[in-house]
Protein backbone atom coordinates (compact mmCIF):
# COMPACT_ATOMS: atom_id res chain seq x y z
CA MET A 1 -21.09 -93.97 32.93
CA ALA A 2 -21.80 -90.49 31.36
CA SER A 3 -24.09 -88.15 33.35
CA LYS A 4 -27.51 -87.84 31.93
CA HIS A 5 -27.21 -84.11 32.27
CA ALA A 6 -24.13 -83.86 30.10
CA ALA A 7 -24.35 -81.31 27.31
CA LYS A 8 -25.00 -82.59 24.00
CA THR A 9 -23.25 -81.49 20.89
CA VAL A 10 -25.72 -79.90 18.52
CA ASP A 11 -25.29 -81.00 15.06
CA PRO A 12 -25.93 -77.98 12.62
CA LYS A 13 -28.16 -80.26 10.68
CA ASP A 14 -30.42 -80.36 13.61
CA LEU A 15 -30.82 -76.48 13.72
CA SER A 16 -34.09 -75.20 12.46
CA PRO A 17 -34.27 -73.10 9.26
CA ALA A 18 -35.21 -70.05 11.18
CA TRP A 19 -32.26 -70.24 13.39
CA LYS A 20 -29.94 -70.81 10.57
CA VAL A 21 -31.31 -67.64 8.86
CA LEU A 22 -30.82 -65.79 12.15
CA GLN A 23 -27.32 -66.98 12.44
CA MET A 24 -26.52 -65.96 8.82
CA LYS A 25 -28.14 -62.59 9.33
CA LEU A 26 -26.06 -61.93 12.55
CA LYS A 27 -22.88 -62.89 10.72
CA GLU A 28 -23.72 -60.66 7.78
CA GLU A 29 -24.34 -57.73 10.18
CA LYS A 30 -21.04 -58.46 11.99
CA GLU A 31 -19.22 -58.40 8.71
CA ASP A 32 -21.02 -55.30 7.47
CA LYS A 33 -20.08 -53.54 10.75
CA GLU A 34 -16.52 -54.49 10.34
CA ARG A 35 -16.41 -53.31 6.82
CA THR A 36 -18.01 -50.01 7.83
CA GLU A 37 -15.58 -49.48 10.74
CA LYS A 38 -12.64 -50.46 8.37
CA SER A 39 -13.94 -48.03 5.76
CA GLU A 40 -14.56 -45.18 8.17
CA LYS A 41 -11.00 -45.75 9.63
CA ALA A 42 -9.51 -45.67 6.10
CA GLU A 43 -11.38 -42.55 5.17
CA LYS A 44 -10.32 -40.85 8.44
CA GLN A 45 -6.80 -41.80 7.72
CA GLU A 46 -7.03 -40.70 4.18
CA GLY A 47 -8.61 -37.35 5.37
CA GLU A 48 -5.83 -36.81 7.91
CA ASP A 49 -3.23 -37.57 5.15
CA GLY A 50 -5.03 -35.27 2.72
CA PHE A 51 -5.25 -32.57 5.33
CA THR A 52 -1.49 -33.07 6.22
CA LYS A 53 -0.72 -32.86 2.37
CA VAL A 54 -2.80 -29.68 2.07
CA GLN A 55 -1.20 -28.25 5.14
CA SER A 56 2.27 -29.18 3.86
CA LYS A 57 1.47 -27.80 0.44
CA LYS A 58 0.27 -24.46 2.09
CA GLN A 59 3.28 -24.21 4.29
CA LYS A 60 5.45 -24.80 1.41
CA GLN A 61 3.77 -22.03 -0.61
CA LYS A 62 4.12 -19.83 2.34
CA ILE A 63 7.77 -20.59 2.83
CA ASN A 64 8.31 -19.97 -0.91
CA ARG A 65 6.42 -16.70 -0.75
CA LYS A 66 8.63 -15.64 2.37
CA ARG A 67 11.74 -16.78 0.62
CA ARG A 68 10.86 -14.75 -2.49
CA ALA A 69 10.01 -11.78 -0.58
CA GLN A 70 13.31 -11.96 1.32
CA GLU A 71 15.14 -12.28 -1.93
CA ALA A 72 13.42 -9.34 -3.43
CA LEU A 73 14.13 -7.23 -0.19
CA ALA A 74 17.72 -8.35 -0.43
CA ALA A 75 17.98 -7.32 -3.97
CA ALA A 76 16.35 -4.03 -3.51
CA SER A 77 18.62 -3.38 -0.52
CA GLU A 78 21.73 -4.32 -2.62
CA VAL A 79 20.57 -1.87 -5.34
CA LYS A 80 19.95 0.74 -2.90
CA ARG A 81 23.35 0.14 -1.27
CA VAL A 82 25.18 0.30 -4.47
CA HIS A 83 23.47 3.58 -5.67
CA HIS A 84 23.89 5.24 -2.29
CA ASP A 85 27.51 4.07 -1.89
CA ILE A 86 28.18 6.39 -4.88
CA PRO A 87 29.20 9.69 -3.06
CA VAL A 88 27.34 12.63 -4.45
CA VAL A 89 26.41 15.30 -1.95
CA ILE A 90 29.51 14.59 0.33
CA ALA A 91 33.25 15.09 -0.40
CA ASP A 92 34.98 11.97 -1.26
CA SER A 93 38.46 12.01 -2.86
CA GLU A 94 39.08 8.35 -2.71
CA ARG A 95 40.69 6.88 -5.81
CA GLY A 96 39.80 3.64 -7.33
CA GLU A 97 40.64 1.15 -10.20
CA PRO A 98 39.08 1.19 -13.72
CA THR A 99 35.99 -0.87 -14.07
CA LYS A 100 34.06 -1.92 -16.97
CA VAL A 101 31.68 1.02 -16.60
CA ILE A 102 33.07 4.45 -16.04
CA ALA A 103 31.52 7.99 -15.96
CA ILE A 104 32.88 11.17 -17.34
CA ASP A 105 32.27 14.94 -17.00
CA CYS A 106 34.11 18.05 -18.28
CA GLU A 107 34.24 21.74 -17.23
CA TYR A 108 34.61 24.30 -20.00
CA VAL A 109 35.85 27.84 -20.14
CA GLY A 110 34.94 30.31 -22.95
CA ALA A 111 37.24 31.58 -25.74
CA GLY A 112 36.51 33.95 -28.62
CA MET A 113 34.22 36.92 -28.85
CA GLY A 114 32.11 37.03 -25.69
CA GLY A 115 33.65 33.65 -24.51
CA THR A 116 31.07 31.56 -26.33
CA THR A 117 33.51 28.95 -27.70
CA ASP A 118 33.79 25.97 -25.38
CA ILE A 119 37.37 25.03 -24.25
CA LEU A 120 38.26 22.17 -22.11
CA ALA A 121 39.57 23.15 -18.76
CA ARG A 122 38.90 20.21 -16.52
CA ILE A 123 38.06 16.58 -16.94
CA SER A 124 36.97 14.06 -14.33
CA VAL A 125 36.46 10.37 -14.61
CA VAL A 126 35.01 7.89 -11.88
CA ASN A 127 34.72 4.11 -11.82
CA GLU A 128 31.32 2.39 -11.41
CA PHE A 129 31.49 2.81 -7.61
CA GLY A 130 32.16 6.47 -7.91
CA LYS A 131 35.72 6.41 -7.00
CA ILE A 132 38.09 8.82 -8.86
CA LEU A 133 40.06 7.56 -11.62
CA TYR A 134 41.07 10.79 -13.21
CA ASP A 135 40.71 14.39 -12.26
CA LYS A 136 42.90 16.96 -13.88
CA PHE A 137 42.89 20.65 -15.05
CA VAL A 138 43.85 21.12 -18.69
CA LYS A 139 45.58 24.02 -20.24
CA PRO A 140 43.18 25.87 -22.65
CA THR A 141 44.24 25.64 -26.25
CA GLU A 142 42.99 29.15 -26.83
CA LYS A 143 42.98 32.47 -25.00
CA VAL A 144 40.37 32.42 -22.30
CA THR A 145 37.98 35.25 -22.52
CA ASP A 146 35.54 34.07 -19.85
CA PHE A 147 36.44 31.59 -17.19
CA ARG A 148 32.64 31.11 -16.58
CA THR A 149 33.56 30.61 -12.89
CA ALA A 150 30.02 30.96 -11.66
CA VAL A 151 29.13 27.77 -13.50
CA SER A 152 32.47 25.97 -14.30
CA GLY A 153 34.23 26.57 -10.98
CA ILE A 154 37.25 27.24 -12.89
CA ARG A 155 39.63 30.25 -11.96
CA ALA A 156 42.95 31.58 -13.54
CA GLU A 157 44.94 30.05 -10.60
CA ASN A 158 43.83 26.58 -11.55
CA MET A 159 45.63 26.80 -14.77
CA THR A 160 49.13 26.89 -13.00
CA LYS A 161 48.78 23.20 -12.40
CA ALA A 162 46.93 22.26 -15.60
CA ILE A 163 48.50 19.67 -18.02
CA PRO A 164 48.72 20.09 -21.77
CA PHE A 165 45.51 19.32 -23.86
CA ASP A 166 47.27 16.63 -25.95
CA LYS A 167 48.50 14.77 -22.86
CA ALA A 168 44.91 14.82 -21.31
CA GLN A 169 43.43 13.68 -24.73
CA THR A 170 45.93 10.77 -24.85
CA GLU A 171 45.22 9.58 -21.32
CA ILE A 172 41.62 9.80 -21.61
CA SER A 173 41.60 7.97 -24.91
CA LYS A 174 43.42 5.08 -23.30
CA LEU A 175 41.26 5.06 -20.23
CA ILE A 176 37.88 4.97 -22.06
CA GLU A 177 38.83 2.26 -24.75
CA GLY A 178 36.75 -0.73 -24.53
CA ARG A 179 34.62 0.62 -21.61
CA VAL A 180 31.05 1.75 -21.17
CA VAL A 181 31.19 5.49 -20.87
CA VAL A 182 28.39 7.26 -18.97
CA GLY A 183 27.84 10.94 -19.09
CA HIS A 184 25.29 13.61 -19.43
CA ALA A 185 25.14 15.13 -22.83
CA VAL A 186 28.41 13.31 -23.16
CA HIS A 187 28.90 14.13 -26.80
CA ASN A 188 29.76 17.61 -25.86
CA ASP A 189 32.62 16.15 -23.59
CA PHE A 190 33.89 14.15 -26.64
CA ARG A 191 33.66 17.08 -28.74
CA VAL A 192 35.88 19.35 -26.64
CA LEU A 193 38.18 16.46 -26.06
CA LYS A 194 38.22 16.01 -29.90
CA LEU A 195 37.69 12.21 -29.27
CA THR A 196 35.02 9.82 -30.56
CA HIS A 197 33.82 6.72 -28.78
CA THR A 198 31.89 3.78 -30.13
CA ARG A 199 27.99 4.34 -29.88
CA LYS A 200 27.28 0.89 -28.33
CA LEU A 201 29.67 1.62 -25.37
CA THR A 202 28.17 5.15 -24.91
CA ARG A 203 25.32 5.82 -22.20
CA ASP A 204 24.16 9.44 -22.40
CA THR A 205 21.74 10.16 -19.59
CA ALA A 206 20.46 13.36 -21.50
CA LYS A 207 18.99 11.02 -24.25
CA CYS A 208 17.68 8.06 -22.12
CA THR A 209 14.00 7.76 -22.62
CA ILE A 210 13.38 5.89 -19.54
CA LEU A 211 14.97 8.61 -17.35
CA LYS A 212 13.08 11.32 -19.26
CA ASN A 213 9.75 9.39 -18.47
CA MET A 214 10.70 9.11 -14.83
CA ALA A 215 11.43 12.96 -14.72
CA ASN A 216 8.16 13.65 -16.72
CA HIS A 217 10.25 15.65 -19.19
CA GLN A 218 9.68 15.67 -22.98
CA GLY A 219 12.78 17.44 -24.16
CA THR A 220 16.36 17.21 -23.17
CA PRO A 221 16.41 17.40 -19.36
CA SER A 222 19.29 19.05 -17.59
CA LEU A 223 21.45 16.87 -15.19
CA LYS A 224 20.18 19.01 -12.31
CA LYS A 225 16.48 18.15 -13.33
CA LEU A 226 17.12 14.39 -13.45
CA ALA A 227 19.04 14.48 -10.29
CA LYS A 228 16.09 16.08 -8.46
CA GLU A 229 13.29 14.10 -10.15
CA VAL A 230 14.82 10.67 -10.29
CA LEU A 231 17.36 10.63 -7.42
CA GLY A 232 15.82 13.18 -5.14
CA ILE A 233 18.96 15.25 -4.59
CA GLU A 234 19.93 18.88 -5.28
CA ILE A 235 23.01 19.57 -7.25
CA GLN A 236 24.55 22.56 -9.03
CA ARG A 237 23.32 25.10 -6.70
CA GLY A 238 26.31 27.28 -7.58
CA GLU A 239 29.62 26.42 -9.28
CA HIS A 240 29.56 22.94 -10.94
CA ASP A 241 31.96 20.30 -9.97
CA SER A 242 32.87 17.65 -12.69
CA ILE A 243 33.44 14.85 -10.06
CA THR A 244 29.96 15.26 -8.62
CA ASP A 245 28.34 15.56 -12.07
CA ALA A 246 30.10 12.40 -13.25
CA ARG A 247 28.91 10.59 -10.19
CA VAL A 248 25.24 11.92 -10.56
CA ALA A 249 25.35 10.61 -14.21
CA LEU A 250 26.63 7.33 -12.99
CA ARG A 251 23.94 6.96 -10.36
CA LEU A 252 21.20 7.81 -12.94
CA TYR A 253 22.63 5.01 -15.14
CA LYS A 254 22.80 2.60 -12.23
CA ALA A 255 19.08 3.46 -11.26
CA VAL A 256 17.78 2.11 -14.66
CA ASP A 257 20.72 0.19 -16.13
CA LYS A 258 18.71 -3.13 -16.38
CA GLN A 259 16.00 -1.64 -18.29
CA TRP A 260 18.25 0.69 -20.26
CA GLU A 261 20.62 -2.29 -21.31
CA ALA A 262 17.57 -4.27 -22.36
CA GLU A 263 16.09 -1.57 -24.47
CA ILE A 264 19.50 -1.17 -26.23
CA LYS A 265 19.52 -4.90 -27.02
CA ARG A 266 15.93 -4.84 -28.50
CA TYR A 267 17.02 -2.22 -31.00
CA ARG A 268 20.28 -3.60 -31.97
C-alpha cells in the first residue's frame, strides 16, 4: 500500500496562473542570459579576430616597408659599388674586354703657328668598368710646334713608340662601332680622329643638362668642374691623363645614366 506521504506528481494544469507566468518569465530570462552570453562571446571572438587581422596587416605593412628599404639600400649600395669600382684617383692598368658602353678620351699636341692646331697624340678607351681597352700614342700627322706637355702630358720621347695615325683610326673605328661612346666634349676627339659616330650612340658629358644642373653650371662645364661638383673628386691638377679622363667621363655617365637615357627616349 502506498505511503500517504508519497510525493504527488503535479499536473501543469493544476498550477496557478501566477506560477505559470513566473515560470515563463524565468525561462525567458534564462534564454536572454544565454543569448547575451553567446553574443558577448561572439563579439569578443570577433574582436580578437579583428585585432589579429589588424595586427597581421600592420605587421605585413611593416615587413613590406622593411623589405623595400632593404632593396633600396641594396640598390644604392650596388650603384655606389659600380661607380666606385671605376678607378680614377688611383693607378690601375688592368685591361678588360669590350662592353656595350665604352668611354674615350684623347690628348692633343699643337701644330702650326703657335701650336694652335690640335693634332692627335694619344688615345685611350675604357670599358664600362673602367678597364683599359685601348691606350696608344699616335704619331702626329704634322710637325709638332708645341707638345703642350703641361696639359697633355705628352713628350717627344713618347713618339718613339707611337703608331701611325691611320692604324689608330682604323682600330678605333672598329672598337666604337655599334657601341655607346661616352666622352667629355667628345666631338673634339672624333674631330682629331677624323671619325664620325652615330648621335644616338654618343653620350657627351659636356652637353648633358642633368650634369650641368647638378654642377649648377649654365654654360659648358669642364670635366674638372663636373668631377668636383658631381663626383666630389679632384682631377687635372697638373698634366692630364687620357685614361683618367675617360674614366671620369664614364663615372659621370653612370651617375645619371637612368635619367639621361630616359630623357633621350622622350625626345626621340
